[in-house]
Amino acid sequence: QVQLVESGGGLVQAGGSLRLSCAASGLAFSNYVMGWFRQAPGKERGFVAGINWSGGSTAYADSVKGRFTLFRDNAKNTVDLQMSSLKPEDTAVYYCAADRGLWIVKTGRDEFDYWGQGTQVTVSS
């Protein structure tokens, strides 16, 4: 049974940093591409960042480019999202997602089969 567990969310002031972590179990982690999505109140869940199996290829939403960085550790079955220069508009529930794949970074919500429960990130102004 695939399980994704997010951690690291919280309350931070604008301009601050947070590091989200997603721990995966029940899957051959290096055979999966990973992604982070977020959902603010009243809005649809949208793509934030994605990474291929090796970590050698990543993709970011335009709104977070240059501020967020995605890492994965295949030995630990984790994928981390380092968020810097946070803005109030980054406030959302952040979700980790996984799907079978190797080289192609996936960015579509419907492309991912497995999801975590989410972690709340709140950025105060």
PDB file of N, CA and C in Angstrom:
ATOM      1  N   GLN A   1       0.848  -1.193   0.000  1.00  0.00           N
ATOM      2  CA  GLN A   1       0.000   0.000   0.000  1.00  0.00           C
ATOM      3  C   GLN A   1       0.886   1.246   0.000  1.00  0.00           C
ATOM      4  N   VAL A   2       0.695   2.049  -1.015  1.00  0.00           N
ATOM      5  CA  VAL A   2       1.491   3.268  -1.134  1.00  0.00           C
ATOM      6  C   VAL A   2       1.022   4.298  -0.107  1.00  0.00           C
ATOM      7  N   GLN A   3       1.975   4.878   0.585  1.00  0.00           N
ATOM      8  CA  GLN A   3       1.652   5.919   1.559  1.00  0.00           C
ATOM      9  C   GLN A   3       2.617   7.078   1.393  1.00  0.00           C
ATOM     10  N   LEU A   4       2.070   8.277   1.335  1.00  0.00           N
ATOM     11  CA  LEU A   4       2.854   9.502   1.258  1.00  0.00           C
ATOM     12  C   LEU A   4       2.488  10.364   2.463  1.00  0.00           C
ATOM     13  N   VAL A   5       3.489  10.766   3.229  1.00  0.00           N
ATOM     14  CA  VAL A   5       3.243  11.542   4.436  1.00  0.00           C
ATOM     15  C   VAL A   5       4.040  12.835   4.370  1.00  0.00           C
ATOM     16  N   GLU A   6       3.329  13.950   4.338  1.00  0.00           N
ATOM     17  CA  GLU A   6       3.968  15.263   4.302  1.00  0.00           C
ATOM     18  C   GLU A   6       4.230  15.772   5.716  1.00  0.00           C
ATOM     19  N   SER A   7       5.262  16.580   5.838  1.00  0.00           N
ATOM     20  CA  SER A   7       5.570  17.242   7.104  1.00  0.00           C
ATOM     21  C   SER A   7       6.291  18.549   6.817  1.00  0.00           C
ATOM     22  N   GLY A   8       6.374  19.389   7.839  1.00  0.00           N
ATOM     23  CA  GLY A   8       7.148  20.617   7.715  1.00  0.00           C
ATOM     24  C   GLY A   8       6.345  21.874   7.515  1.00  0.00           C
ATOM     25  N   GLY A   9       5.037  21.736   7.380  1.00  0.00           N
ATOM     26  CA  GLY A   9       4.221  22.930   7.212  1.00  0.00           C
ATOM     27  C   GLY A   9       4.153  23.741   8.496  1.00  0.00           C
ATOM     28  N   GLY A  10       3.605  24.946   8.390  1.00  0.00           N
ATOM     29  CA  GLY A  10       3.457  25.789   9.568  1.00  0.00           C
ATOM     30  C   GLY A  10       3.184  27.224   9.198  1.00  0.00           C
ATOM     31  N   LEU A  11       3.356  28.088  10.182  1.00  0.00           N
ATOM     32  CA  LEU A  11       3.126  29.520  10.018  1.00  0.00           C
ATOM     33  C   LEU A  11       4.465  30.228   9.917  1.00  0.00           C
ATOM     34  N   VAL A  12       4.591  31.084   8.917  1.00  0.00           N
ATOM     35  CA  VAL A  12       5.844  31.805   8.706  1.00  0.00           C
ATOM     36  C   VAL A  12       5.522  33.210   8.222  1.00  0.00           C
ATOM     37  N   GLN A  13       6.382  34.141   8.527  1.00  0.00           N
ATOM     38  CA  GLN A  13       6.188  35.509   8.046  1.00  0.00           C
ATOM     39  C   GLN A  13       6.628  35.635   6.592  1.00  0.00           C
ATOM     40  N   ALA A  14       6.049  36.591   5.919  1.00  0.00           N
ATOM     41  CA  ALA A  14       6.446  36.867   4.542  1.00  0.00           C
ATOM     42  C   ALA A  14       7.945  37.115   4.476  1.00  0.00           C
ATOM     43  N   GLY A  15       8.572  36.529   3.461  1.00  0.00           N
ATOM     44  CA  GLY A  15      10.010  36.632   3.326  1.00  0.00           C
ATOM     45  C   GLY A  15      10.770  35.484   3.963  1.00  0.00           C
ATOM     46  N   GLY A  16      10.075  34.700   4.759  1.00  0.00           N
ATOM     47  CA  GLY A  16      10.703  33.593   5.450  1.00  0.00           C
ATOM     48  C   GLY A  16      10.809  32.338   4.598  1.00  0.00           C
ATOM     49  N   SER A  17      11.277  31.263   5.233  1.00  0.00           N
ATOM     50  CA  SER A  17      11.498  29.993   4.539  1.00  0.00           C
ATOM     51  C   SER A  17      10.873  28.833   5.304  1.00  0.00           C
ATOM     52  N   LEU A  18      10.526  27.818   4.563  1.00  0.00           N
ATOM     53  CA  LEU A  18      10.059  26.557   5.129  1.00  0.00           C
ATOM     54  C   LEU A  18      10.570  25.437   4.240  1.00  0.00           C
ATOM     55  N   ARG A  19      10.751  24.264   4.831  1.00  0.00           N
ATOM     56  CA  ARG A  19      11.123  23.087   4.062  1.00  0.00           C
ATOM     57  C   ARG A  19      10.086  22.012   4.321  1.00  0.00           C
ATOM     58  N   LEU A  20       9.389  21.627   3.277  1.00  0.00           N
ATOM     59  CA  LEU A  20       8.421  20.545   3.363  1.00  0.00           C
ATOM     60  C   LEU A  20       9.094  19.236   2.987  1.00  0.00           C
ATOM     61  N   SER A  21       8.691  18.177   3.654  1.00  0.00           N
ATOM     62  CA  SER A  21       9.228  16.867   3.345  1.00  0.00           C
ATOM     63  C   SER A  21       8.091  15.886   3.102  1.00  0.00           C
ATOM     64  N   CYS A  22       8.312  14.968   2.180  1.00  0.00           N
ATOM     65  CA  CYS A  22       7.348  13.919   1.882  1.00  0.00           C
ATOM     66  C   CYS A  22       8.068  12.583   2.008  1.00  0.00           C
ATOM     67  N   ALA A  23       7.586  11.740   2.906  1.00  0.00           N
ATOM     68  CA  ALA A  23       8.152  10.409   3.096  1.00  0.00           C
ATOM     69  C   ALA A  23       7.248   9.388   2.422  1.00  0.00           C
ATOM     70  N   ALA A  24       7.829   8.589   1.550  1.00  0.00           N
ATOM     71  CA  ALA A  24       7.060   7.605   0.786  1.00  0.00           C
ATOM     72  C   ALA A  24       7.356   6.194   1.272  1.00  0.00           C
ATOM     73  N   SER A  25       6.325   5.376   1.273  1.00  0.00           N
ATOM     74  CA  SER A  25       6.491   3.966   1.625  1.00  0.00           C
ATOM     75  C   SER A  25       5.547   3.130   0.780  1.00  0.00           C
ATOM     76  N   GLY A  26       5.856   1.819   0.682  1.00  0.00           N
ATOM     77  CA  GLY A  26       4.996   0.918  -0.062  1.00  0.00           C
ATOM     78  C   GLY A  26       5.178   0.976  -1.566  1.00  0.00           C
ATOM     79  N   LEU A  27       6.278   1.555  -2.005  1.00  0.00           N
ATOM     80  CA  LEU A  27       6.548   1.639  -3.440  1.00  0.00           C
ATOM     81  C   LEU A  27       8.044   1.596  -3.689  1.00  0.00           C
ATOM     82  N   ALA A  28       8.393   1.230  -4.912  1.00  0.00           N
ATOM     83  CA  ALA A  28       9.794   1.279  -5.322  1.00  0.00           C
ATOM     84  C   ALA A  28      10.084   2.714  -5.721  1.00  0.00           C
ATOM     85  N   PHE A  29      10.519   3.489  -4.773  1.00  0.00           N
ATOM     86  CA  PHE A  29      10.555   4.950  -4.883  1.00  0.00           C
ATOM     87  C   PHE A  29      11.284   5.444  -6.124  1.00  0.00           C
ATOM     88  N   SER A  30      12.374   4.812  -6.471  1.00  0.00           N
ATOM     89  CA  SER A  30      13.153   5.305  -7.609  1.00  0.00           C
ATOM     90  C   SER A  30      12.475   5.027  -8.948  1.00  0.00           C
ATOM     91  N   ASN A  31      11.380   4.292  -8.927  1.00  0.00           N
ATOM     92  CA  ASN A  31      10.592   4.062 -10.145  1.00  0.00           C
ATOM     93  C   ASN A  31       9.441   5.041 -10.307  1.00  0.00           C
ATOM     94  N   TYR A  32       9.428   6.064  -9.448  1.00  0.00           N
ATOM     95  CA  TYR A  32       8.323   7.010  -9.437  1.00  0.00           C
ATOM     96  C   TYR A  32       8.819   8.444  -9.630  1.00  0.00           C
ATOM     97  N   VAL A  33       8.060   9.196 -10.414  1.00  0.00           N
ATOM     98  CA  VAL A  33       8.255  10.634 -10.446  1.00  0.00           C
ATOM     99  C   VAL A  33       7.398  11.227  -9.344  1.00  0.00           C
ATOM    100  N   MET A  34       7.853  12.350  -8.833  1.00  0.00           N
ATOM    101  CA  MET A  34       7.194  12.959  -7.684  1.00  0.00           C
ATOM    102  C   MET A  34       6.797  14.397  -8.001  1.00  0.00           C
ATOM    103  N   GLY A  35       5.801  14.870  -7.260  1.00  0.00           N
ATOM    104  CA  GLY A  35       5.369  16.239  -7.469  1.00  0.00           C
ATOM    105  C   GLY A  35       4.810  16.836  -6.193  1.00  0.00           C
ATOM    106  N   TRP A  36       4.758  18.152  -6.168  1.00  0.00           N
ATOM    107  CA  TRP A  36       4.086  18.886  -5.098  1.00  0.00           C
ATOM    108  C   TRP A  36       3.017  19.770  -5.745  1.00  0.00           C
ATOM    109  N   PHE A  37       1.862  19.773  -5.126  1.00  0.00           N
ATOM    110  CA  PHE A  37       0.753  20.611  -5.552  1.00  0.00           C
ATOM    111  C   PHE A  37       0.278  21.400  -4.334  1.00  0.00           C
ATOM    112  N   ARG A  38      -0.514  22.429  -4.585  1.00  0.00           N
ATOM    113  CA  ARG A  38      -1.077  23.178  -3.472  1.00  0.00           C
ATOM    114  C   ARG A  38      -2.494  23.613  -3.791  1.00  0.00           C
ATOM    115  N   GLN A  39      -3.249  23.796  -2.720  1.00  0.00           N
ATOM    116  CA  GLN A  39      -4.649  24.213  -2.868  1.00  0.00           C
ATOM    117  C   GLN A  39      -4.972  25.253  -1.814  1.00  0.00           C
ATOM    118  N   ALA A  40      -5.300  26.443  -2.285  1.00  0.00           N
ATOM    119  CA  ALA A  40      -5.732  27.519  -1.395  1.00  0.00           C
ATOM    120  C   ALA A  40      -7.246  27.471  -1.282  1.00  0.00           C
ATOM    121  N   PRO A  41      -7.804  28.054  -0.229  1.00  0.00           N
ATOM    122  CA  PRO A  41      -9.266  28.042  -0.053  1.00  0.00           C
ATOM    123  C   PRO A  41      -9.983  28.618  -1.270  1.00  0.00           C
ATOM    124  N   GLY A  42     -10.963  27.883  -1.765  1.00  0.00           N
ATOM    125  CA  GLY A  42     -11.745  28.349  -2.894  1.00  0.00           C
ATOM    126  C   GLY A  42     -11.079  28.210  -4.247  1.00  0.00           C
ATOM    127  N   LYS A  43      -9.913  27.596  -4.268  1.00  0.00           N
ATOM    128  CA  LYS A  43      -9.193  27.439  -5.532  1.00  0.00           C
ATOM    129  C   LYS A  43      -8.935  25.972  -5.824  1.00  0.00           C
ATOM    130  N   GLU A  44      -8.652  25.673  -7.080  1.00  0.00           N
ATOM    131  CA  GLU A  44      -8.329  24.310  -7.456  1.00  0.00           C
ATOM    132  C   GLU A  44      -6.898  23.968  -7.047  1.00  0.00           C
ATOM    133  N   ARG A  45      -6.673  22.676  -6.904  1.00  0.00           N
ATOM    134  CA  ARG A  45      -5.328  22.201  -6.603  1.00  0.00           C
ATOM    135  C   ARG A  45      -4.444  22.411  -7.829  1.00  0.00           C
ATOM    136  N   GLY A  46      -3.314  23.082  -7.621  1.00  0.00           N
ATOM    137  CA  GLY A  46      -2.457  23.409  -8.745  1.00  0.00           C
ATOM    138  C   GLY A  46      -1.029  22.928  -8.561  1.00  0.00           C
ATOM    139  N   PHE A  47      -0.346  22.756  -9.683  1.00  0.00           N
ATOM    140  CA  PHE A  47       1.022  22.270  -9.694  1.00  0.00           C
ATOM    141  C   PHE A  47       1.969  23.291  -9.086  1.00  0.00           C
ATOM    142  N   VAL A  48       2.928  22.782  -8.299  1.00  0.00           N
ATOM    143  CA  VAL A  48       3.972  23.628  -7.726  1.00  0.00           C
ATOM    144  C   VAL A  48       5.342  23.245  -8.288  1.00  0.00           C
ATOM    145  N   ALA A  49       5.676  21.943  -8.157  1.00  0.00           N
ATOM    146  CA  ALA A  49       6.993  21.492  -8.599  1.00  0.00           C
ATOM    147  C   ALA A  49       6.958  19.997  -8.848  1.00  0.00           C
ATOM    148  N   GLY A  50       7.828  19.538  -9.753  1.00  0.00           N
ATOM    149  CA  GLY A  50       7.911  18.118 -10.052  1.00  0.00           C
ATOM    150  C   GLY A  50       9.343  17.709 -10.298  1.00  0.00           C
ATOM    151  N   ILE A  51       9.602  16.402 -10.144  1.00  0.00           N
ATOM    152  CA  ILE A  51      10.969  15.909 -10.266  1.00  0.00           C
ATOM    153  C   ILE A  51      10.951  14.503 -10.842  1.00  0.00           C
ATOM    154  N   ASN A  52      11.944  14.188 -11.683  1.00  0.00           N
ATOM    155  CA  ASN A  52      11.981  12.848 -12.261  1.00  0.00           C
ATOM    156  C   ASN A  52      12.654  11.872 -11.301  1.00  0.00           C
ATOM    157  N   TRP A  53      12.854  10.656 -11.735  1.00  0.00           N
ATOM    158  CA  TRP A  53      13.285   9.602 -10.827  1.00  0.00           C
ATOM    159  C   TRP A  53      14.657   9.867 -10.215  1.00  0.00           C
ATOM    160  N   SER A  54      15.539  10.460 -10.985  1.00  0.00           N
ATOM    161  CA  SER A  54      16.907  10.640 -10.515  1.00  0.00           C
ATOM    162  C   SER A  54      17.120  11.980  -9.815  1.00  0.00           C
ATOM    163  N   GLY A  55      16.188  12.886  -9.994  1.00  0.00           N
ATOM    164  CA  GLY A  55      16.386  14.240  -9.491  1.00  0.00           C
ATOM    165  C   GLY A  55      17.111  15.131 -10.470  1.00  0.00           C
ATOM    166  N   GLY A  56      17.464  14.593 -11.614  1.00  0.00           N
ATOM    167  CA  GLY A  56      18.211  15.349 -12.596  1.00  0.00           C
ATOM    168  C   GLY A  56      17.380  16.291 -13.431  1.00  0.00           C
ATOM    169  N   SER A  57      16.063  16.131 -13.360  1.00  0.00           N
ATOM    170  CA  SER A  57      15.174  17.003 -14.105  1.00  0.00           C
ATOM    171  C   SER A  57      14.050  17.471 -13.198  1.00  0.00           C
ATOM    172  N   THR A  58      13.805  18.766 -13.179  1.00  0.00           N
ATOM    173  CA  THR A  58      12.756  19.340 -12.351  1.00  0.00           C
ATOM    174  C   THR A  58      11.945  20.341 -13.168  1.00  0.00           C
ATOM    175  N   ALA A  59      10.772  20.639 -12.662  1.00  0.00           N
ATOM    176  CA  ALA A  59       9.913  21.656 -13.261  1.00  0.00           C
ATOM    177  C   ALA A  59       9.220  22.416 -12.146  1.00  0.00           C
ATOM    178  N   TYR A  60       8.956  23.706 -12.399  1.00  0.00           N
ATOM    179  CA  TYR A  60       8.332  24.549 -11.386  1.00  0.00           C
ATOM    180  C   TYR A  60       7.242  25.402 -12.009  1.00  0.00           C
ATOM    181  N   ALA A  61       6.229  25.684 -11.218  1.00  0.00           N
ATOM    182  CA  ALA A  61       5.241  26.660 -11.641  1.00  0.00           C
ATOM    183  C   ALA A  61       5.916  28.024 -11.729  1.00  0.00           C
ATOM    184  N   ASP A  62       5.460  28.847 -12.656  1.00  0.00           N
ATOM    185  CA  ASP A  62       6.070  30.165 -12.831  1.00  0.00           C
ATOM    186  C   ASP A  62       6.050  30.977 -11.537  1.00  0.00           C
ATOM    187  N   SER A  63       5.008  30.793 -10.761  1.00  0.00           N
ATOM    188  CA  SER A  63       4.832  31.587  -9.542  1.00  0.00           C
ATOM    189  C   SER A  63       5.865  31.275  -8.465  1.00  0.00           C
ATOM    190  N   VAL A  64       6.546  30.142  -8.581  1.00  0.00           N
ATOM    191  CA  VAL A  64       7.508  29.755  -7.542  1.00  0.00           C
ATOM    192  C   VAL A  64       8.935  29.645  -8.061  1.00  0.00           C
ATOM    193  N   LYS A  65       9.138  29.816  -9.345  1.00  0.00           N
ATOM    194  CA  LYS A  65      10.484  29.701  -9.916  1.00  0.00           C
ATOM    195  C   LYS A  65      11.430  30.685  -9.260  1.00  0.00           C
ATOM    196  N   GLY A  66      12.602  30.192  -8.909  1.00  0.00           N
ATOM    197  CA  GLY A  66      13.597  31.030  -8.267  1.00  0.00           C
ATOM    198  C   GLY A  66      13.430  31.137  -6.763  1.00  0.00           C
ATOM    199  N   ARG A  67      12.307  30.659  -6.252  1.00  0.00           N
ATOM    200  CA  ARG A  67      12.066  30.728  -4.802  1.00  0.00           C
ATOM    201  C   ARG A  67      11.983  29.336  -4.175  1.00  0.00           C
ATOM    202  N   PHE A  68      11.488  28.371  -4.927  1.00  0.00           N
ATOM    203  CA  PHE A  68      11.313  27.007  -4.421  1.00  0.00           C
ATOM    204  C   PHE A  68      12.298  26.084  -5.122  1.00  0.00           C
ATOM    205  N   THR A  69      12.790  25.085  -4.382  1.00  0.00           N
ATOM    206  CA  THR A  69      13.683  24.084  -4.954  1.00  0.00           C
ATOM    207  C   THR A  69      13.254  22.707  -4.477  1.00  0.00           C
ATOM    208  N   LEU A  70      13.239  21.770  -5.411  1.00  0.00           N
ATOM    209  CA  LEU A  70      12.779  20.419  -5.126  1.00  0.00           C
ATOM    210  C   LEU A  70      13.965  19.459  -5.136  1.00  0.00           C
ATOM    211  N   PHE A  71      14.035  18.613  -4.104  1.00  0.00           N
ATOM    212  CA  PHE A  71      15.105  17.624  -3.986  1.00  0.00           C
ATOM    213  C   PHE A  71      14.476  16.262  -3.734  1.00  0.00           C
ATOM    214  N   ARG A  72      15.185  15.195  -4.086  1.00  0.00           N
ATOM    215  CA  ARG A  72      14.749  13.866  -3.678  1.00  0.00           C
ATOM    216  C   ARG A  72      15.968  13.062  -3.227  1.00  0.00           C
ATOM    217  N   ASP A  73      15.702  12.154  -2.306  1.00  0.00           N
ATOM    218  CA  ASP A  73      16.733  11.251  -1.810  1.00  0.00           C
ATOM    219  C   ASP A  73      16.192   9.837  -1.968  1.00  0.00           C
ATOM    220  N   ASN A  74      16.644   9.147  -2.984  1.00  0.00           N
ATOM    221  CA  ASN A  74      16.116   7.810  -3.258  1.00  0.00           C
ATOM    222  C   ASN A  74      16.550   6.782  -2.223  1.00  0.00           C
ATOM    223  N   ALA A  75      17.599   7.060  -1.504  1.00  0.00           N
ATOM    224  CA  ALA A  75      18.022   6.147  -0.439  1.00  0.00           C
ATOM    225  C   ALA A  75      17.096   6.252   0.770  1.00  0.00           C
ATOM    226  N   LYS A  76      16.514   7.437   0.977  1.00  0.00           N
ATOM    227  CA  LYS A  76      15.638   7.659   2.132  1.00  0.00           C
ATOM    228  C   LYS A  76      14.167   7.666   1.753  1.00  0.00           C
ATOM    229  N   ASN A  77      13.875   7.559   0.467  1.00  0.00           N
ATOM    230  CA  ASN A  77      12.483   7.615  -0.011  1.00  0.00           C
ATOM    231  C   ASN A  77      11.791   8.917   0.381  1.00  0.00           C
ATOM    232  N   THR A  78      12.500  10.009   0.202  1.00  0.00           N
ATOM    233  CA  THR A  78      11.934  11.311   0.540  1.00  0.00           C
ATOM    234  C   THR A  78      12.078  12.303  -0.613  1.00  0.00           C
ATOM    235  N   VAL A  79      11.163  13.236  -0.649  1.00  0.00           N
ATOM    236  CA  VAL A  79      11.257  14.349  -1.587  1.00  0.00           C
ATOM    237  C   VAL A  79      10.933  15.622  -0.806  1.00  0.00           C
ATOM    238  N   ASP A  80      11.820  16.577  -0.864  1.00  0.00           N
ATOM    239  CA  ASP A  80      11.708  17.796  -0.073  1.00  0.00           C
ATOM    240  C   ASP A  80      11.502  19.010  -0.968  1.00  0.00           C
ATOM    241  N   LEU A  81      10.680  19.924  -0.471  1.00  0.00           N
ATOM    242  CA  LEU A  81      10.445  21.177  -1.168  1.00  0.00           C
ATOM    243  C   LEU A  81      10.956  22.303  -0.293  1.00  0.00           C
ATOM    244  N   GLN A  82      12.053  22.922  -0.693  1.00  0.00           N
ATOM    245  CA  GLN A  82      12.610  24.057   0.025  1.00  0.00           C
ATOM    246  C   GLN A  82      11.965  25.324  -0.506  1.00  0.00           C
ATOM    247  N   MET A  83      11.291  26.056   0.383  1.00  0.00           N
ATOM    248  CA  MET A  83      10.560  27.250  -0.016  1.00  0.00           C
ATOM    249  C   MET A  83      11.192  28.468   0.642  1.00  0.00           C
ATOM    250  N   SER A  84      11.556  29.432  -0.164  1.00  0.00           N
ATOM    251  CA  SER A  84      12.183  30.651   0.339  1.00  0.00           C
ATOM    252  C   SER A  84      11.424  31.867  -0.177  1.00  0.00           C
ATOM    253  N   SER A  85      11.720  33.016   0.430  1.00  0.00           N
ATOM    254  CA  SER A  85      11.064  34.268   0.032  1.00  0.00           C
ATOM    255  C   SER A  85       9.557  34.091  -0.062  1.00  0.00           C
ATOM    256  N   LEU A  86       8.998  33.474   0.953  1.00  0.00           N
ATOM    257  CA  LEU A  86       7.576  33.154   0.934  1.00  0.00           C
ATOM    258  C   LEU A  86       6.715  34.403   0.924  1.00  0.00           C
ATOM    259  N   LYS A  87       5.588  34.290   0.239  1.00  0.00           N
ATOM    260  CA  LYS A  87       4.633  35.383   0.102  1.00  0.00           C
ATOM    261  C   LYS A  87       3.291  34.939   0.655  1.00  0.00           C
ATOM    262  N   PRO A  88       2.453  35.889   1.056  1.00  0.00           N
ATOM    263  CA  PRO A  88       1.120  35.506   1.546  1.00  0.00           C
ATOM    264  C   PRO A  88       0.340  34.658   0.538  1.00  0.00           C
ATOM    265  N   GLU A  89       0.547  34.896  -0.741  1.00  0.00           N
ATOM    266  CA  GLU A  89      -0.170  34.119  -1.751  1.00  0.00           C
ATOM    267  C   GLU A  89       0.326  32.679  -1.861  1.00  0.00           C
ATOM    268  N   ASP A  90       1.372  32.327  -1.149  1.00  0.00           N
ATOM    269  CA  ASP A  90       1.821  30.933  -1.078  1.00  0.00           C
ATOM    270  C   ASP A  90       1.024  30.136  -0.045  1.00  0.00           C
ATOM    271  N   THR A  91       0.192  30.810   0.704  1.00  0.00           N
ATOM    272  CA  THR A  91      -0.628  30.146   1.712  1.00  0.00           C
ATOM    273  C   THR A  91      -1.553  29.134   1.060  1.00  0.00           C
ATOM    274  N   ALA A  92      -1.464  27.883   1.514  1.00  0.00           N
ATOM    275  CA  ALA A  92      -2.255  26.797   0.923  1.00  0.00           C
ATOM    276  C   ALA A  92      -1.974  25.516   1.685  1.00  0.00           C
ATOM    277  N   VAL A  93      -2.754  24.504   1.382  1.00  0.00           N
ATOM    278  CA  VAL A  93      -2.412  23.144   1.785  1.00  0.00           C
ATOM    279  C   VAL A  93      -1.540  22.566   0.676  1.00  0.00           C
ATOM    280  N   TYR A  94      -0.397  22.043   1.055  1.00  0.00           N
ATOM    281  CA  TYR A  94       0.558  21.486   0.100  1.00  0.00           C
ATOM    282  C   TYR A  94       0.491  19.959   0.123  1.00  0.00           C
ATOM    283  N   TYR A  95       0.398  19.382  -1.067  1.00  0.00           N
ATOM    284  CA  TYR A  95       0.241  17.941  -1.218  1.00  0.00           C
ATOM    285  C   TYR A  95       1.418  17.351  -1.999  1.00  0.00           C
ATOM    286  N   CYS A  96       1.873  16.221  -1.525  1.00  0.00           N
ATOM    287  CA  CYS A  96       2.877  15.430  -2.228  1.00  0.00           C
ATOM    288  C   CYS A  96       2.144  14.412  -3.110  1.00  0.00           C
ATOM    289  N   ALA A  97       2.697  14.128  -4.277  1.00  0.00           N
ATOM    290  CA  ALA A  97       2.081  13.187  -5.201  1.00  0.00           C
ATOM    291  C   ALA A  97       3.144  12.312  -5.856  1.00  0.00           C
ATOM    292  N   ALA A  98       2.737  11.100  -6.200  1.00  0.00           N
ATOM    293  CA  ALA A  98       3.661  10.146  -6.824  1.00  0.00           C
ATOM    294  C   ALA A  98       2.965   9.443  -7.976  1.00  0.00           C
ATOM    295  N   ASP A  99       3.760   9.095  -8.985  1.00  0.00           N
ATOM    296  CA  ASP A  99       3.230   8.309 -10.094  1.00  0.00           C
ATOM    297  C   ASP A  99       4.378   7.534 -10.738  1.00  0.00           C
ATOM    298  N   ARG A 100       4.055   6.368 -11.254  1.00  0.00           N
ATOM    299  CA  ARG A 100       5.082   5.576 -11.921  1.00  0.00           C
ATOM    300  C   ARG A 100       5.645   6.349 -13.102  1.00  0.00           C
ATOM    301  N   GLY A 101       6.951   6.292 -13.213  1.00  0.00           N
ATOM    302  CA  GLY A 101       7.604   6.971 -14.316  1.00  0.00           C
ATOM    303  C   GLY A 101       9.064   7.153 -14.003  1.00  0.00           C
ATOM    304  N   LEU A 102       9.827   7.497 -15.031  1.00  0.00           N
ATOM    305  CA  LEU A 102      11.253   7.648 -14.835  1.00  0.00           C
ATOM    306  C   LEU A 102      11.749   9.025 -15.271  1.00  0.00           C
ATOM    307  N   TRP A 103      11.775   9.253 -16.574  1.00  0.00           N
ATOM    308  CA  TRP A 103      12.499  10.410 -17.087  1.00  0.00           C
ATOM    309  C   TRP A 103      11.666  11.681 -17.222  1.00  0.00           C
ATOM    310  N   ILE A 104      10.372  11.527 -17.456  1.00  0.00           N
ATOM    311  CA  ILE A 104       9.543  12.694 -17.752  1.00  0.00           C
ATOM    312  C   ILE A 104       8.955  13.263 -16.466  1.00  0.00           C
ATOM    313  N   VAL A 105       9.178  14.539 -16.231  1.00  0.00           N
ATOM    314  CA  VAL A 105       8.572  15.214 -15.089  1.00  0.00           C
ATOM    315  C   VAL A 105       7.098  15.457 -15.404  1.00  0.00           C
ATOM    316  N   LYS A 106       6.241  15.089 -14.496  1.00  0.00           N
ATOM    317  CA  LYS A 106       4.804  15.274 -14.691  1.00  0.00           C
ATOM    318  C   LYS A 106       4.343  16.527 -13.947  1.00  0.00           C
ATOM    319  N   THR A 107       3.399  17.231 -14.571  1.00  0.00           N
ATOM    320  CA  THR A 107       2.927  18.479 -13.981  1.00  0.00           C
ATOM    321  C   THR A 107       1.412  18.548 -13.847  1.00  0.00           C
ATOM    322  N   GLY A 108       0.734  17.582 -14.403  1.00  0.00           N
ATOM    323  CA  GLY A 108      -0.721  17.606 -14.359  1.00  0.00           C
ATOM    324  C   GLY A 108      -1.277  16.856 -13.162  1.00  0.00           C
ATOM    325  N   ARG A 109      -2.267  17.468 -12.544  1.00  0.00           N
ATOM    326  CA  ARG A 109      -2.876  16.843 -11.365  1.00  0.00           C
ATOM    327  C   ARG A 109      -3.403  15.446 -11.688  1.00  0.00           C
ATOM    328  N   ASP A 110      -3.991  15.276 -12.857  1.00  0.00           N
ATOM    329  CA  ASP A 110      -4.592  14.000 -13.228  1.00  0.00           C
ATOM    330  C   ASP A 110      -3.561  12.945 -13.595  1.00  0.00           C
ATOM    331  N   GLU A 111      -2.294  13.321 -13.674  1.00  0.00           N
ATOM    332  CA  GLU A 111      -1.251  12.365 -14.032  1.00  0.00           C
ATOM    333  C   GLU A 111      -0.752  11.555 -12.845  1.00  0.00           C
ATOM    334  N   PHE A 112      -1.124  11.974 -11.645  1.00  0.00           N
ATOM    335  CA  PHE A 112      -0.594  11.338 -10.437  1.00  0.00           C
ATOM    336  C   PHE A 112      -1.634  10.425  -9.806  1.00  0.00           C
ATOM    337  N   ASP A 113      -1.202   9.218  -9.469  1.00  0.00           N
ATOM    338  CA  ASP A 113      -2.109   8.227  -8.887  1.00  0.00           C
ATOM    339  C   ASP A 113      -2.165   8.284  -7.362  1.00  0.00           C
ATOM    340  N   TYR A 114      -1.077   8.721  -6.732  1.00  0.00           N
ATOM    341  CA  TYR A 114      -0.989   8.633  -5.273  1.00  0.00           C
ATOM    342  C   TYR A 114      -0.768  10.020  -4.679  1.00  0.00           C
ATOM    343  N   TRP A 115      -1.470  10.261  -3.567  1.00  0.00           N
ATOM    344  CA  TRP A 115      -1.449  11.570  -2.922  1.00  0.00           C
ATOM    345  C   TRP A 115      -1.299  11.437  -1.413  1.00  0.00           C
ATOM    346  N   GLY A 116      -0.629  12.406  -0.821  1.00  0.00           N
ATOM    347  CA  GLY A 116      -0.588  12.498   0.619  1.00  0.00           C
ATOM    348  C   GLY A 116      -1.797  13.241   1.149  1.00  0.00           C
ATOM    349  N   GLN A 117      -1.842  13.398   2.467  1.00  0.00           N
ATOM    350  CA  GLN A 117      -2.977  14.059   3.113  1.00  0.00           C
ATOM    351  C   GLN A 117      -2.838  15.581   3.138  1.00  0.00           C
ATOM    352  N   GLY A 118      -1.643  16.057   2.888  1.00  0.00           N
ATOM    353  CA  GLY A 118      -1.437  17.500   2.825  1.00  0.00           C
ATOM    354  C   GLY A 118      -0.895  18.083   4.115  1.00  0.00           C
ATOM    355  N   THR A 119      -0.209  19.208   3.971  1.00  0.00           N
ATOM    356  CA  THR A 119       0.299  19.949   5.123  1.00  0.00           C
ATOM    357  C   THR A 119       0.039  21.433   4.889  1.00  0.00           C
ATOM    358  N   GLN A 120      -0.422  22.104   5.925  1.00  0.00           N
ATOM    359  CA  GLN A 120      -0.817  23.508   5.788  1.00  0.00           C
ATOM    360  C   GLN A 120       0.400  24.418   5.873  1.00  0.00           C
ATOM    361  N   VAL A 121       0.477  25.337   4.936  1.00  0.00           N
ATOM    362  CA  VAL A 121       1.482  26.405   4.966  1.00  0.00           C
ATOM    363  C   VAL A 121       0.736  27.730   5.002  1.00  0.00           C
ATOM    364  N   THR A 122       1.031  28.524   6.007  1.00  0.00           N
ATOM    365  CA  THR A 122       0.407  29.837   6.139  1.00  0.00           C
ATOM    366  C   THR A 122       1.498  30.897   6.203  1.00  0.00           C
ATOM    367  N   VAL A 123       1.419  31.862   5.308  1.00  0.00           N
ATOM    368  CA  VAL A 123       2.396  32.947   5.257  1.00  0.00           C
ATOM    369  C   VAL A 123       1.694  34.232   5.641  1.00  0.00           C
ATOM    370  N   SER A 124       2.141  34.828   6.723  1.00  0.00           N
ATOM    371  CA  SER A 124       1.522  36.067   7.203  1.00  0.00           C
ATOM    372  C   SER A 124       2.242  37.280   6.625  1.00  0.00           C
ATOM    373  N   SER A 125       1.473  38.336   6.414  1.00  0.00           N
ATOM    374  CA  SER A 125       2.056  39.550   5.822  1.00  0.00           C
ATOM    375  C   SER A 125       2.593  40.491   6.882  1.00  0.00           C
TER     376      SER A 125
END
